[in-house]
Amino acid sequence: MEKKVIRVAHSPDSDDAFMFYAINQNKIDTKNYQFIDILSDIETLNKEALKGTYEVSAISIHAFPYVADKYALLSSGASMGDNYGPMIVSKEEISPNELKNKKIAVPGTLTSAFLALSLYLGTNKFNYEVINFDEIIPAVKEGKVDAGLIIHEGQLTYQDEGLKCIVDLGKWWYERTGGLPLPLGGNVIRKDLGERTIKEISEILRESIKYSLEHREEAVEYALKYARGMDRNKADKFIGMYVNDLTIDYGERGRKAVELFLREAYEKGFIDVLPEIQFV
């Protein structure tokens, strides 16, 4: 029987590689499906999801309202910042009140980091420049921008580059919401695949995440090729930040956080639509 091809689009990052290790290396039963990796940066994936390009894709939670007509949110695969998350960094100390008047490099306007920063500043009309996420720290160091909104491994390496953290948006969100994680990324699946296929793929992806967490050493070793220069200890720490129990399932805290994050953004006019959030 010919296997059904399912394209899984995600970022070329160590945490995503860790998540899908068991599928890519045939460590678990993938039933009647052949999974093909598509690697791209998160802002590109957000834009492809607007077109419904891939069967399964990692996207920013910020982008979900705009693709909810085509995709459902998988209950596993979340990246949540639990009292940590995207950061604003700069060469010099900047008071949070001065940020609105500074030029800030951002990794894309559909990223959850951008939405979290907008909520923090109280406006999405601040002075920003969109720069590829891995070029933000160099842009800050070279003085091309006053500050940078960093995601991915930059959250662990910015100090090595002599930069200072002005605000950790995950910590800010945790404190103001009474302990909720900051929703950053999620995996979505196309609704037109049908209920049975969606259920089966959801189970396979969850099993892949569980396998990696239970066989951490070998999964981290595999993920190192996507660690962009981080040593094993830093890569392991980064993976632990974004692949954990909340990744296996959002749980009550995670679901509540997603709903609050998007509702606040809608009420402030930062997103145009507020769909019913369906976890599958």
C-alpha atoms as a PDB file:
ATOM      1  CA  MET A   1       0.000   0.000   0.000  1.00  0.00           C
ATOM      2  CA  GLU A   2       1.417   3.348  -1.022  1.00  0.00           C
ATOM      3  CA  LYS A   3       2.047   5.670   1.887  1.00  0.00           C
ATOM      4  CA  LYS A   4       0.348   9.058   2.044  1.00  0.00           C
ATOM      5  CA  VAL A   5       2.889  11.890   1.866  1.00  0.00           C
ATOM      6  CA  ILE A   6       2.608  14.472   4.641  1.00  0.00           C
ATOM      7  CA  ARG A   7       4.851  17.518   4.446  1.00  0.00           C
ATOM      8  CA  VAL A   8       5.870  18.784   7.876  1.00  0.00           C
ATOM      9  CA  ALA A   9       7.198  22.339   7.691  1.00  0.00           C
ATOM     10  CA  HIS A  10       9.219  23.682  10.591  1.00  0.00           C
ATOM     11  CA  SER A  11      12.160  25.893  11.482  1.00  0.00           C
ATOM     12  CA  PRO A  12      15.739  24.587  11.107  1.00  0.00           C
ATOM     13  CA  ASP A  13      16.218  24.828  14.867  1.00  0.00           C
ATOM     14  CA  SER A  14      17.472  22.354  17.435  1.00  0.00           C
ATOM     15  CA  ASP A  15      14.177  22.282  19.345  1.00  0.00           C
ATOM     16  CA  ASP A  16      12.128  21.443  16.227  1.00  0.00           C
ATOM     17  CA  ALA A  17      14.709  18.881  15.096  1.00  0.00           C
ATOM     18  CA  PHE A  18      14.513  17.291  18.555  1.00  0.00           C
ATOM     19  CA  MET A  19      10.717  17.203  18.322  1.00  0.00           C
ATOM     20  CA  PHE A  20      10.643  15.373  14.983  1.00  0.00           C
ATOM     21  CA  TYR A  21      13.707  13.156  15.558  1.00  0.00           C
ATOM     22  CA  ALA A  22      11.734   9.951  16.050  1.00  0.00           C
ATOM     23  CA  ILE A  23       9.799  10.440  12.827  1.00  0.00           C
ATOM     24  CA  ASN A  24      12.795  11.407  10.717  1.00  0.00           C
ATOM     25  CA  GLN A  25      14.951   8.556  12.000  1.00  0.00           C
ATOM     26  CA  ASN A  26      12.165   5.923  11.899  1.00  0.00           C
ATOM     27  CA  LYS A  27      12.197   5.382  15.645  1.00  0.00           C
ATOM     28  CA  ILE A  28       8.416   5.046  15.836  1.00  0.00           C
ATOM     29  CA  ASP A  29       5.657   3.572  13.690  1.00  0.00           C
ATOM     30  CA  THR A  30       4.439   6.215  11.230  1.00  0.00           C
ATOM     31  CA  LYS A  31       1.608   3.964  10.039  1.00  0.00           C
ATOM     32  CA  ASN A  32       0.573   4.631   6.452  1.00  0.00           C
ATOM     33  CA  TYR A  33       2.269   8.021   6.242  1.00  0.00           C
ATOM     34  CA  GLN A  34       5.534   9.204   4.762  1.00  0.00           C
ATOM     35  CA  PHE A  35       6.653  12.401   6.467  1.00  0.00           C
ATOM     36  CA  ILE A  36       8.813  14.855   4.532  1.00  0.00           C
ATOM     37  CA  ASP A  37      10.638  17.706   6.294  1.00  0.00           C
ATOM     38  CA  ILE A  38      10.339  21.230   4.876  1.00  0.00           C
ATOM     39  CA  LEU A  39      12.726  23.641   6.614  1.00  0.00           C
ATOM     40  CA  SER A  40      12.237  27.396   6.637  1.00  0.00           C
ATOM     41  CA  ASP A  41      12.300  30.363   9.010  1.00  0.00           C
ATOM     42  CA  ILE A  42       9.148  30.953  11.023  1.00  0.00           C
ATOM     43  CA  GLU A  43       8.007  34.136   9.242  1.00  0.00           C
ATOM     44  CA  THR A  44       8.164  32.329   5.884  1.00  0.00           C
ATOM     45  CA  LEU A  45       6.194  29.433   7.377  1.00  0.00           C
ATOM     46  CA  ASN A  46       3.569  31.880   8.646  1.00  0.00           C
ATOM     47  CA  LYS A  47       3.157  33.277   5.140  1.00  0.00           C
ATOM     48  CA  GLU A  48       2.963  29.819   3.563  1.00  0.00           C
ATOM     49  CA  ALA A  49       0.294  28.842   6.086  1.00  0.00           C
ATOM     50  CA  LEU A  50      -1.805  31.796   4.928  1.00  0.00           C
ATOM     51  CA  LYS A  51      -1.918  29.991   1.564  1.00  0.00           C
ATOM     52  CA  GLY A  52      -2.503  26.543   3.086  1.00  0.00           C
ATOM     53  CA  THR A  53       0.677  25.235   1.463  1.00  0.00           C
ATOM     54  CA  TYR A  54       1.705  22.384   3.785  1.00  0.00           C
ATOM     55  CA  GLU A  55      -0.289  19.612   5.431  1.00  0.00           C
ATOM     56  CA  VAL A  56       1.406  20.196   8.803  1.00  0.00           C
ATOM     57  CA  SER A  57       3.335  23.308   9.751  1.00  0.00           C
ATOM     58  CA  ALA A  58       4.917  25.059  12.668  1.00  0.00           C
ATOM     59  CA  ILE A  59       3.547  28.583  12.898  1.00  0.00           C
ATOM     60  CA  SER A  60       3.524  31.503  15.289  1.00  0.00           C
ATOM     61  CA  ILE A  61       0.484  31.619  17.580  1.00  0.00           C
ATOM     62  CA  HIS A  62       0.157  35.226  16.376  1.00  0.00           C
ATOM     63  CA  ALA A  63      -0.493  33.907  12.859  1.00  0.00           C
ATOM     64  CA  PHE A  64      -3.090  31.319  13.867  1.00  0.00           C
ATOM     65  CA  PRO A  65      -6.166  33.606  13.683  1.00  0.00           C
ATOM     66  CA  TYR A  66      -5.368  34.263  10.010  1.00  0.00           C
ATOM     67  CA  VAL A  67      -5.102  30.568   9.093  1.00  0.00           C
ATOM     68  CA  ALA A  68      -7.844  29.129  11.323  1.00  0.00           C
ATOM     69  CA  ASP A  69     -10.127  28.746   8.294  1.00  0.00           C
ATOM     70  CA  LYS A  70      -7.683  26.207   6.835  1.00  0.00           C
ATOM     71  CA  TYR A  71      -5.884  24.748   9.859  1.00  0.00           C
ATOM     72  CA  ALA A  72      -6.593  23.352  13.311  1.00  0.00           C
ATOM     73  CA  LEU A  73      -4.116  23.723  16.162  1.00  0.00           C
ATOM     74  CA  LEU A  74      -2.531  20.414  17.146  1.00  0.00           C
ATOM     75  CA  SER A  75      -2.646  19.808  20.884  1.00  0.00           C
ATOM     76  CA  SER A  76       1.042  18.830  20.828  1.00  0.00           C
ATOM     77  CA  GLY A  77       4.088  20.645  19.477  1.00  0.00           C
ATOM     78  CA  ALA A  78       3.716  23.937  21.313  1.00  0.00           C
ATOM     79  CA  SER A  79       6.663  26.197  22.088  1.00  0.00           C
ATOM     80  CA  MET A  80       5.826  28.090  25.262  1.00  0.00           C
ATOM     81  CA  GLY A  81       7.996  30.506  27.204  1.00  0.00           C
ATOM     82  CA  ASP A  82       7.376  29.536  30.829  1.00  0.00           C
ATOM     83  CA  ASN A  83       8.709  32.604  32.679  1.00  0.00           C
ATOM     84  CA  TYR A  84      11.185  33.267  29.834  1.00  0.00           C
ATOM     85  CA  GLY A  85      10.889  34.095  26.168  1.00  0.00           C
ATOM     86  CA  PRO A  86      11.800  36.571  23.425  1.00  0.00           C
ATOM     87  CA  MET A  87      13.933  39.461  24.648  1.00  0.00           C
ATOM     88  CA  ILE A  88      14.694  43.022  23.736  1.00  0.00           C
ATOM     89  CA  VAL A  89      18.473  43.461  23.788  1.00  0.00           C
ATOM     90  CA  SER A  90      20.767  46.411  23.135  1.00  0.00           C
ATOM     91  CA  LYS A  91      24.373  47.524  23.511  1.00  0.00           C
ATOM     92  CA  GLU A  92      23.503  50.176  26.077  1.00  0.00           C
ATOM     93  CA  GLU A  93      21.041  50.297  28.934  1.00  0.00           C
ATOM     94  CA  ILE A  94      17.650  51.576  27.758  1.00  0.00           C
ATOM     95  CA  SER A  95      14.785  52.156  30.143  1.00  0.00           C
ATOM     96  CA  PRO A  96      11.625  50.296  29.086  1.00  0.00           C
ATOM     97  CA  ASN A  97       9.838  53.654  28.830  1.00  0.00           C
ATOM     98  CA  GLU A  98      12.313  54.796  26.157  1.00  0.00           C
ATOM     99  CA  LEU A  99      11.788  51.767  23.914  1.00  0.00           C
ATOM    100  CA  LYS A 100       8.910  53.328  21.980  1.00  0.00           C
ATOM    101  CA  ASN A 101      11.309  55.987  20.745  1.00  0.00           C
ATOM    102  CA  LYS A 102      14.017  53.545  19.635  1.00  0.00           C
ATOM    103  CA  LYS A 103      14.447  51.678  16.367  1.00  0.00           C
ATOM    104  CA  ILE A 104      13.939  47.980  17.075  1.00  0.00           C
ATOM    105  CA  ALA A 105      14.866  45.088  14.785  1.00  0.00           C
ATOM    106  CA  VAL A 106      12.132  42.429  14.751  1.00  0.00           C
ATOM    107  CA  PRO A 107      12.101  38.947  13.165  1.00  0.00           C
ATOM    108  CA  GLY A 108       8.749  39.407  11.416  1.00  0.00           C
ATOM    109  CA  THR A 109       5.394  41.056  12.031  1.00  0.00           C
ATOM    110  CA  LEU A 110       3.496  37.752  12.231  1.00  0.00           C
ATOM    111  CA  THR A 111       5.760  36.310  14.922  1.00  0.00           C
ATOM    112  CA  SER A 112       4.416  35.900  18.440  1.00  0.00           C
ATOM    113  CA  ALA A 113       7.454  37.819  19.650  1.00  0.00           C
ATOM    114  CA  PHE A 114       6.255  40.868  17.679  1.00  0.00           C
ATOM    115  CA  LEU A 115       2.751  40.538  19.126  1.00  0.00           C
ATOM    116  CA  ALA A 116       4.110  40.160  22.660  1.00  0.00           C
ATOM    117  CA  LEU A 117       6.245  43.270  22.180  1.00  0.00           C
ATOM    118  CA  SER A 118       3.205  45.167  20.884  1.00  0.00           C
ATOM    119  CA  LEU A 119       1.244  44.161  24.001  1.00  0.00           C
ATOM    120  CA  TYR A 120       4.175  45.217  26.183  1.00  0.00           C
ATOM    121  CA  LEU A 121       4.502  48.616  24.488  1.00  0.00           C
ATOM    122  CA  GLY A 122       0.741  49.098  24.191  1.00  0.00           C
ATOM    123  CA  THR A 123       1.047  49.766  20.454  1.00  0.00           C
ATOM    124  CA  ASN A 124       2.041  47.986  17.246  1.00  0.00           C
ATOM    125  CA  LYS A 125       2.944  51.297  15.580  1.00  0.00           C
ATOM    126  CA  PHE A 126       6.424  51.587  17.081  1.00  0.00           C
ATOM    127  CA  ASN A 127       9.600  52.161  15.058  1.00  0.00           C
ATOM    128  CA  TYR A 128      10.752  48.767  13.830  1.00  0.00           C
ATOM    129  CA  GLU A 129      12.674  47.144  11.006  1.00  0.00           C
ATOM    130  CA  VAL A 130      12.079  43.544   9.923  1.00  0.00           C
ATOM    131  CA  ILE A 131      15.383  41.623   9.826  1.00  0.00           C
ATOM    132  CA  ASN A 132      15.965  37.893   9.537  1.00  0.00           C
ATOM    133  CA  PHE A 133      16.124  36.491  13.075  1.00  0.00           C
ATOM    134  CA  ASP A 134      19.763  35.370  12.827  1.00  0.00           C
ATOM    135  CA  GLU A 135      20.911  38.814  11.668  1.00  0.00           C
ATOM    136  CA  ILE A 136      19.345  40.780  14.537  1.00  0.00           C
ATOM    137  CA  ILE A 137      22.185  40.449  17.052  1.00  0.00           C
ATOM    138  CA  PRO A 138      24.814  41.564  14.467  1.00  0.00           C
ATOM    139  CA  ALA A 139      22.568  44.509  13.514  1.00  0.00           C
ATOM    140  CA  VAL A 140      22.395  45.610  17.160  1.00  0.00           C
ATOM    141  CA  LYS A 141      26.152  45.186  17.658  1.00  0.00           C
ATOM    142  CA  GLU A 142      26.922  47.215  14.525  1.00  0.00           C
ATOM    143  CA  GLY A 143      24.587  50.025  15.582  1.00  0.00           C
ATOM    144  CA  LYS A 144      22.225  49.619  12.608  1.00  0.00           C
ATOM    145  CA  VAL A 145      19.344  49.573  15.117  1.00  0.00           C
ATOM    146  CA  ASP A 146      19.018  50.686  18.725  1.00  0.00           C
ATOM    147  CA  ALA A 147      17.672  47.371  19.986  1.00  0.00           C
ATOM    148  CA  GLY A 148      16.693  43.934  18.762  1.00  0.00           C
ATOM    149  CA  LEU A 149      13.865  41.516  19.475  1.00  0.00           C
ATOM    150  CA  ILE A 150      15.605  38.147  19.694  1.00  0.00           C
ATOM    151  CA  ILE A 151      14.145  34.651  19.418  1.00  0.00           C
ATOM    152  CA  HIS A 152      15.562  31.115  19.206  1.00  0.00           C
ATOM    153  CA  GLU A 153      19.076  30.475  20.523  1.00  0.00           C
ATOM    154  CA  GLY A 154      19.882  34.190  20.678  1.00  0.00           C
ATOM    155  CA  GLN A 155      18.148  34.137  24.072  1.00  0.00           C
ATOM    156  CA  LEU A 156      21.103  32.106  25.379  1.00  0.00           C
ATOM    157  CA  THR A 157      23.942  33.683  23.408  1.00  0.00           C
ATOM    158  CA  TYR A 158      23.264  37.457  23.449  1.00  0.00           C
ATOM    159  CA  GLN A 159      25.480  38.003  26.517  1.00  0.00           C
ATOM    160  CA  ASP A 160      28.400  36.365  24.711  1.00  0.00           C
ATOM    161  CA  GLU A 161      28.039  39.175  22.159  1.00  0.00           C
ATOM    162  CA  GLY A 162      28.253  41.869  24.845  1.00  0.00           C
ATOM    163  CA  LEU A 163      24.555  42.797  24.723  1.00  0.00           C
ATOM    164  CA  LYS A 164      22.206  43.617  27.588  1.00  0.00           C
ATOM    165  CA  CYS A 165      18.649  42.385  28.151  1.00  0.00           C
ATOM    166  CA  ILE A 166      16.227  45.305  28.441  1.00  0.00           C
ATOM    167  CA  VAL A 167      13.120  43.168  28.938  1.00  0.00           C
ATOM    168  CA  ASP A 168      12.353  39.443  28.847  1.00  0.00           C
ATOM    169  CA  LEU A 169       8.832  39.322  27.397  1.00  0.00           C
ATOM    170  CA  GLY A 170       8.189  35.812  28.690  1.00  0.00           C
ATOM    171  CA  LYS A 171       9.002  36.887  32.240  1.00  0.00           C
ATOM    172  CA  TRP A 172       6.886  40.037  31.836  1.00  0.00           C
ATOM    173  CA  TRP A 173       3.902  37.985  30.588  1.00  0.00           C
ATOM    174  CA  TYR A 174       4.301  35.378  33.362  1.00  0.00           C
ATOM    175  CA  GLU A 175       4.251  38.046  36.055  1.00  0.00           C
ATOM    176  CA  ARG A 176       1.288  40.020  34.703  1.00  0.00           C
ATOM    177  CA  THR A 177      -0.887  36.938  34.045  1.00  0.00           C
ATOM    178  CA  GLY A 178      -0.341  35.234  37.378  1.00  0.00           C
ATOM    179  CA  GLY A 179       1.939  32.507  36.086  1.00  0.00           C
ATOM    180  CA  LEU A 180       0.859  31.703  32.537  1.00  0.00           C
ATOM    181  CA  PRO A 181       3.407  30.705  29.865  1.00  0.00           C
ATOM    182  CA  LEU A 182       3.834  32.942  26.826  1.00  0.00           C
ATOM    183  CA  PRO A 183       2.475  31.164  23.715  1.00  0.00           C
ATOM    184  CA  LEU A 184       5.039  31.417  20.936  1.00  0.00           C
ATOM    185  CA  GLY A 185       4.752  28.624  18.377  1.00  0.00           C
ATOM    186  CA  GLY A 186       2.417  25.769  17.629  1.00  0.00           C
ATOM    187  CA  ASN A 187       1.915  23.029  15.070  1.00  0.00           C
ATOM    188  CA  VAL A 188      -1.128  23.205  12.821  1.00  0.00           C
ATOM    189  CA  ILE A 189      -2.715  20.621  10.554  1.00  0.00           C
ATOM    190  CA  ARG A 190      -4.855  21.220   7.486  1.00  0.00           C
ATOM    191  CA  LYS A 191      -8.543  20.575   8.105  1.00  0.00           C
ATOM    192  CA  ASP A 192      -9.127  19.186   4.621  1.00  0.00           C
ATOM    193  CA  LEU A 193      -7.151  16.036   5.543  1.00  0.00           C
ATOM    194  CA  GLY A 194     -10.239  14.738   7.306  1.00  0.00           C
ATOM    195  CA  GLU A 195     -10.953  13.779  10.894  1.00  0.00           C
ATOM    196  CA  ARG A 196      -9.389  10.301  10.832  1.00  0.00           C
ATOM    197  CA  THR A 197      -6.118  11.422   9.235  1.00  0.00           C
ATOM    198  CA  ILE A 198      -5.874  14.403  11.582  1.00  0.00           C
ATOM    199  CA  LYS A 199      -6.321  12.132  14.606  1.00  0.00           C
ATOM    200  CA  GLU A 200      -3.699   9.643  13.392  1.00  0.00           C
ATOM    201  CA  ILE A 201      -1.117  12.300  12.541  1.00  0.00           C
ATOM    202  CA  SER A 202      -1.730  14.061  15.849  1.00  0.00           C
ATOM    203  CA  GLU A 203      -0.970  10.800  17.682  1.00  0.00           C
ATOM    204  CA  ILE A 204       2.198  10.172  15.636  1.00  0.00           C
ATOM    205  CA  LEU A 205       3.554  13.670  16.292  1.00  0.00           C
ATOM    206  CA  ARG A 206       2.832  13.358  20.004  1.00  0.00           C
ATOM    207  CA  GLU A 207       4.623   9.989  20.097  1.00  0.00           C
ATOM    208  CA  SER A 208       7.635  11.557  18.360  1.00  0.00           C
ATOM    209  CA  ILE A 209       7.907  14.247  21.039  1.00  0.00           C
ATOM    210  CA  LYS A 210       7.510  11.722  23.843  1.00  0.00           C
ATOM    211  CA  TYR A 211      10.160   9.455  22.301  1.00  0.00           C
ATOM    212  CA  SER A 212      12.707  12.282  22.188  1.00  0.00           C
ATOM    213  CA  LEU A 213      12.026  13.283  25.780  1.00  0.00           C
ATOM    214  CA  GLU A 214      12.424   9.644  26.863  1.00  0.00           C
ATOM    215  CA  HIS A 215      15.603   9.167  24.760  1.00  0.00           C
ATOM    216  CA  ARG A 216      17.015  12.616  25.346  1.00  0.00           C
ATOM    217  CA  GLU A 217      20.717  11.956  24.791  1.00  0.00           C
ATOM    218  CA  GLU A 218      20.360  10.495  21.294  1.00  0.00           C
ATOM    219  CA  ALA A 219      17.730  13.057  20.284  1.00  0.00           C
ATOM    220  CA  VAL A 220      19.903  15.969  21.435  1.00  0.00           C
ATOM    221  CA  GLU A 221      22.842  14.499  19.510  1.00  0.00           C
ATOM    222  CA  TYR A 222      20.710  14.487  16.346  1.00  0.00           C
ATOM    223  CA  ALA A 223      19.479  18.036  16.989  1.00  0.00           C
ATOM    224  CA  LEU A 224      22.994  19.475  17.386  1.00  0.00           C
ATOM    225  CA  LYS A 225      23.354  19.839  13.605  1.00  0.00           C
ATOM    226  CA  TYR A 226      20.658  22.540  13.837  1.00  0.00           C
ATOM    227  CA  ALA A 227      22.092  24.257  16.938  1.00  0.00           C
ATOM    228  CA  ARG A 228      23.829  27.067  14.989  1.00  0.00           C
ATOM    229  CA  GLY A 229      27.082  27.039  16.901  1.00  0.00           C
ATOM    230  CA  MET A 230      25.761  26.313  20.388  1.00  0.00           C
ATOM    231  CA  ASP A 231      27.712  23.732  22.342  1.00  0.00           C
ATOM    232  CA  ARG A 232      25.927  20.630  23.571  1.00  0.00           C
ATOM    233  CA  ASN A 233      25.128  22.055  27.022  1.00  0.00           C
ATOM    234  CA  LYS A 234      23.574  25.225  25.636  1.00  0.00           C
ATOM    235  CA  ALA A 235      21.693  23.304  22.959  1.00  0.00           C
ATOM    236  CA  ASP A 236      20.358  20.895  25.576  1.00  0.00           C
ATOM    237  CA  LYS A 237      19.263  23.819  27.755  1.00  0.00           C
ATOM    238  CA  PHE A 238      17.577  25.556  24.800  1.00  0.00           C
ATOM    239  CA  ILE A 239      15.759  22.374  23.808  1.00  0.00           C
ATOM    240  CA  GLY A 240      14.578  21.944  27.396  1.00  0.00           C
ATOM    241  CA  MET A 241      13.156  25.458  27.374  1.00  0.00           C
ATOM    242  CA  TYR A 242      10.907  24.774  24.396  1.00  0.00           C
ATOM    243  CA  VAL A 243      10.317  21.006  24.345  1.00  0.00           C
ATOM    244  CA  ASN A 244       8.781  19.805  27.611  1.00  0.00           C
ATOM    245  CA  ASP A 245       5.471  18.710  29.136  1.00  0.00           C
ATOM    246  CA  LEU A 246       3.697  21.705  27.580  1.00  0.00           C
ATOM    247  CA  THR A 247       4.926  20.478  24.194  1.00  0.00           C
ATOM    248  CA  ILE A 248       3.360  17.046  24.665  1.00  0.00           C
ATOM    249  CA  ASP A 249       0.068  18.777  25.431  1.00  0.00           C
ATOM    250  CA  TYR A 250      -0.851  22.420  26.053  1.00  0.00           C
ATOM    251  CA  GLY A 251      -2.793  21.433  29.157  1.00  0.00           C
ATOM    252  CA  GLU A 252      -5.115  23.818  30.926  1.00  0.00           C
ATOM    253  CA  ARG A 253      -2.400  26.455  31.497  1.00  0.00           C
ATOM    254  CA  GLY A 254      -1.298  26.396  27.873  1.00  0.00           C
ATOM    255  CA  ARG A 255      -4.817  26.588  26.457  1.00  0.00           C
ATOM    256  CA  LYS A 256      -5.715  29.430  28.787  1.00  0.00           C
ATOM    257  CA  ALA A 257      -2.528  31.279  27.797  1.00  0.00           C
ATOM    258  CA  VAL A 258      -3.266  30.990  24.052  1.00  0.00           C
ATOM    259  CA  GLU A 259      -6.831  32.206  24.518  1.00  0.00           C
ATOM    260  CA  LEU A 260      -5.769  35.166  26.678  1.00  0.00           C
ATOM    261  CA  PHE A 261      -2.867  36.135  24.402  1.00  0.00           C
ATOM    262  CA  LEU A 262      -5.070  36.292  21.314  1.00  0.00           C
ATOM    263  CA  ARG A 263      -8.053  37.845  23.081  1.00  0.00           C
ATOM    264  CA  GLU A 264      -5.940  40.705  24.459  1.00  0.00           C
ATOM    265  CA  ALA A 265      -4.406  41.246  21.029  1.00  0.00           C
ATOM    266  CA  TYR A 266      -7.872  41.347  19.433  1.00  0.00           C
ATOM    267  CA  GLU A 267      -9.256  43.757  22.036  1.00  0.00           C
ATOM    268  CA  LYS A 268      -6.333  46.127  21.429  1.00  0.00           C
ATOM    269  CA  GLY A 269      -6.786  45.915  17.659  1.00  0.00           C
ATOM    270  CA  PHE A 270      -3.471  44.125  17.029  1.00  0.00           C
ATOM    271  CA  ILE A 271      -5.217  41.237  15.233  1.00  0.00           C
ATOM    272  CA  ASP A 272      -8.293  41.577  13.040  1.00  0.00           C
ATOM    273  CA  VAL A 273     -10.040  38.301  13.792  1.00  0.00           C
ATOM    274  CA  LEU A 274     -10.534  36.132  16.864  1.00  0.00           C
ATOM    275  CA  PRO A 275     -11.479  32.608  15.786  1.00  0.00           C
ATOM    276  CA  GLU A 276     -12.712  29.780  17.925  1.00  0.00           C
ATOM    277  CA  ILE A 277      -9.543  27.932  18.912  1.00  0.00           C
ATOM    278  CA  GLN A 278      -9.751  24.225  18.104  1.00  0.00           C
ATOM    279  CA  PHE A 279      -7.101  21.900  19.576  1.00  0.00           C
ATOM    280  CA  VAL A 280      -6.887  18.455  17.941  1.00  0.00           C
END
